[in-house]
Amino acid sequence: MAKCTFCGNAIEPGTGKMFVKVDGKILYFCNSKCERNMLRLKRKPYETRWTKHFEKHQK
C-alpha cells in the first residue's frame, strides 16, 4: 500500500492519485485536499497540523 506524500495516511488500492513531476519524482495523494495543499497552495506537510508528518516533526 502506498502512503500519501502530504498527510502520510495509507492509500487504499483503487483510490487516490499519482502525480508525476517533470523531474521524474512521483507524488501520491489520498484525496484532493492533500493534492491542493501541496501543489497549489505550496504548504509543507510538517507545518500543517492535521498531518502525520507534523506529529513526527514535533517533540
N, C-alpha and C. Protein backbone atom coordinates (compact mmCIF):
# COMPACT_ATOMS: atom_id res chain seq x y z
N MET A 1 0.83 -1.19 0.00
CA MET A 1 0.00 0.00 0.00
C MET A 1 0.88 1.25 0.00
N ALA A 2 0.52 2.19 -0.81
CA ALA A 2 1.26 3.43 -0.88
C ALA A 2 0.81 4.38 0.24
N LYS A 3 1.67 5.31 0.59
CA LYS A 3 1.32 6.33 1.58
C LYS A 3 1.20 7.67 0.89
N CYS A 4 0.30 8.49 1.40
CA CYS A 4 0.11 9.83 0.85
C CYS A 4 1.37 10.66 1.11
N THR A 5 1.83 11.34 0.10
CA THR A 5 3.04 12.16 0.21
C THR A 5 2.83 13.32 1.17
N PHE A 6 1.62 13.85 1.24
CA PHE A 6 1.37 15.02 2.08
C PHE A 6 1.01 14.65 3.52
N CYS A 7 -0.03 13.86 3.72
CA CYS A 7 -0.50 13.61 5.08
C CYS A 7 0.11 12.37 5.73
N GLY A 8 0.57 11.42 4.94
CA GLY A 8 1.19 10.23 5.49
C GLY A 8 0.24 9.08 5.74
N ASN A 9 -1.04 9.21 5.41
CA ASN A 9 -2.01 8.14 5.59
C ASN A 9 -1.86 7.10 4.48
N ALA A 10 -2.26 5.87 4.79
CA ALA A 10 -2.22 4.80 3.80
C ALA A 10 -3.31 5.03 2.76
N ILE A 11 -3.01 4.69 1.51
CA ILE A 11 -3.97 4.83 0.41
C ILE A 11 -4.48 3.45 0.05
N GLU A 12 -5.80 3.29 0.08
CA GLU A 12 -6.42 2.02 -0.28
C GLU A 12 -6.22 1.75 -1.78
N PRO A 13 -6.06 0.49 -2.16
CA PRO A 13 -5.91 0.17 -3.59
C PRO A 13 -7.15 0.60 -4.37
N GLY A 14 -6.91 1.21 -5.52
CA GLY A 14 -8.00 1.66 -6.37
C GLY A 14 -8.47 3.07 -6.07
N THR A 15 -7.84 3.75 -5.11
CA THR A 15 -8.23 5.12 -4.78
C THR A 15 -7.00 6.01 -4.85
N GLY A 16 -7.21 7.31 -4.74
CA GLY A 16 -6.10 8.25 -4.71
C GLY A 16 -5.60 8.62 -6.10
N LYS A 17 -4.55 9.44 -6.10
CA LYS A 17 -3.95 9.90 -7.35
C LYS A 17 -2.43 9.78 -7.28
N MET A 18 -1.83 9.52 -8.44
CA MET A 18 -0.39 9.51 -8.55
C MET A 18 -0.03 10.68 -9.47
N PHE A 19 0.83 11.58 -8.99
CA PHE A 19 1.24 12.76 -9.76
C PHE A 19 2.72 12.62 -10.06
N VAL A 20 3.10 12.70 -11.33
CA VAL A 20 4.50 12.59 -11.73
C VAL A 20 4.99 13.97 -12.14
N LYS A 21 6.01 14.47 -11.45
CA LYS A 21 6.58 15.78 -11.77
C LYS A 21 7.49 15.66 -12.99
N VAL A 22 7.87 16.79 -13.55
CA VAL A 22 8.71 16.83 -14.74
C VAL A 22 10.07 16.19 -14.48
N ASP A 23 10.59 16.33 -13.26
CA ASP A 23 11.90 15.76 -12.93
C ASP A 23 11.84 14.26 -12.64
N GLY A 24 10.64 13.66 -12.71
CA GLY A 24 10.50 12.22 -12.51
C GLY A 24 10.08 11.81 -11.12
N LYS A 25 9.98 12.74 -10.19
CA LYS A 25 9.57 12.43 -8.83
C LYS A 25 8.08 12.08 -8.81
N ILE A 26 7.72 11.02 -8.09
CA ILE A 26 6.34 10.56 -8.04
C ILE A 26 5.74 10.96 -6.69
N LEU A 27 4.57 11.62 -6.74
CA LEU A 27 3.85 12.03 -5.54
C LEU A 27 2.52 11.29 -5.50
N TYR A 28 2.18 10.74 -4.34
CA TYR A 28 0.91 10.04 -4.15
C TYR A 28 0.02 10.89 -3.25
N PHE A 29 -1.25 11.00 -3.59
CA PHE A 29 -2.21 11.76 -2.80
C PHE A 29 -3.43 10.91 -2.52
N CYS A 30 -3.93 10.96 -1.28
CA CYS A 30 -5.10 10.17 -0.91
C CYS A 30 -6.39 10.87 -1.30
N ASN A 31 -6.40 12.20 -1.36
CA ASN A 31 -7.60 12.94 -1.74
C ASN A 31 -7.21 14.31 -2.30
N SER A 32 -8.22 15.06 -2.74
CA SER A 32 -7.95 16.36 -3.36
C SER A 32 -7.48 17.38 -2.34
N LYS A 33 -7.83 17.20 -1.08
CA LYS A 33 -7.39 18.13 -0.02
C LYS A 33 -5.86 18.12 0.08
N CYS A 34 -5.27 16.95 0.09
CA CYS A 34 -3.81 16.83 0.18
C CYS A 34 -3.15 17.34 -1.10
N GLU A 35 -3.72 17.01 -2.24
CA GLU A 35 -3.16 17.44 -3.51
C GLU A 35 -3.16 18.97 -3.62
N ARG A 36 -4.26 19.59 -3.26
CA ARG A 36 -4.38 21.06 -3.34
C ARG A 36 -3.41 21.74 -2.38
N ASN A 37 -3.30 21.22 -1.14
CA ASN A 37 -2.41 21.83 -0.16
C ASN A 37 -0.95 21.79 -0.61
N MET A 38 -0.53 20.70 -1.23
CA MET A 38 0.87 20.58 -1.61
C MET A 38 1.18 21.28 -2.93
N LEU A 39 0.37 21.06 -3.96
CA LEU A 39 0.70 21.56 -5.30
C LEU A 39 0.25 23.00 -5.52
N ARG A 40 -0.98 23.32 -5.18
CA ARG A 40 -1.49 24.65 -5.49
C ARG A 40 -1.19 25.66 -4.38
N LEU A 41 -1.33 25.25 -3.12
CA LEU A 41 -1.12 26.17 -2.00
C LEU A 41 0.33 26.16 -1.49
N LYS A 42 1.14 25.21 -1.97
CA LYS A 42 2.57 25.12 -1.65
C LYS A 42 2.84 25.04 -0.14
N ARG A 43 2.04 24.25 0.56
CA ARG A 43 2.22 24.08 2.01
C ARG A 43 3.16 22.93 2.29
N LYS A 44 3.86 23.02 3.41
CA LYS A 44 4.79 21.97 3.82
C LYS A 44 4.06 21.01 4.76
N PRO A 45 4.22 19.69 4.57
CA PRO A 45 3.50 18.73 5.41
C PRO A 45 3.86 18.83 6.90
N TYR A 46 5.09 19.16 7.21
CA TYR A 46 5.50 19.21 8.61
C TYR A 46 5.06 20.50 9.31
N GLU A 47 4.48 21.45 8.57
CA GLU A 47 3.95 22.66 9.17
C GLU A 47 2.43 22.66 9.26
N THR A 48 1.78 21.66 8.67
CA THR A 48 0.32 21.57 8.66
C THR A 48 -0.10 20.64 9.79
N ARG A 49 -0.91 21.15 10.72
CA ARG A 49 -1.21 20.46 11.97
C ARG A 49 -1.90 19.11 11.84
N TRP A 50 -2.73 18.90 10.83
CA TRP A 50 -3.51 17.67 10.75
C TRP A 50 -2.78 16.51 10.07
N THR A 51 -1.53 16.69 9.68
CA THR A 51 -0.79 15.62 9.01
C THR A 51 0.01 14.79 10.01
N LYS A 52 0.36 13.58 9.60
CA LYS A 52 1.19 12.72 10.44
C LYS A 52 2.64 13.21 10.45
N HIS A 53 3.05 13.90 9.40
CA HIS A 53 4.40 14.46 9.34
C HIS A 53 4.58 15.55 10.41
N PHE A 54 3.52 16.27 10.69
CA PHE A 54 3.57 17.31 11.74
C PHE A 54 3.80 16.66 13.10
N GLU A 55 3.11 15.55 13.37
CA GLU A 55 3.25 14.84 14.64
C GLU A 55 4.66 14.30 14.83
N LYS A 56 5.27 13.79 13.75
CA LYS A 56 6.62 13.26 13.83
C LYS A 56 7.65 14.38 14.03
N HIS A 57 7.38 15.54 13.42
CA HIS A 57 8.31 16.67 13.48
C HIS A 57 8.31 17.33 14.87
N GLN A 58 7.18 17.31 15.58
CA GLN A 58 7.06 17.93 16.90
C GLN A 58 7.58 16.98 17.97
N LYS A 59 8.20 17.50 18.99
CA LYS A 59 8.65 16.67 20.11
C LYS A 59 8.36 17.35 21.41
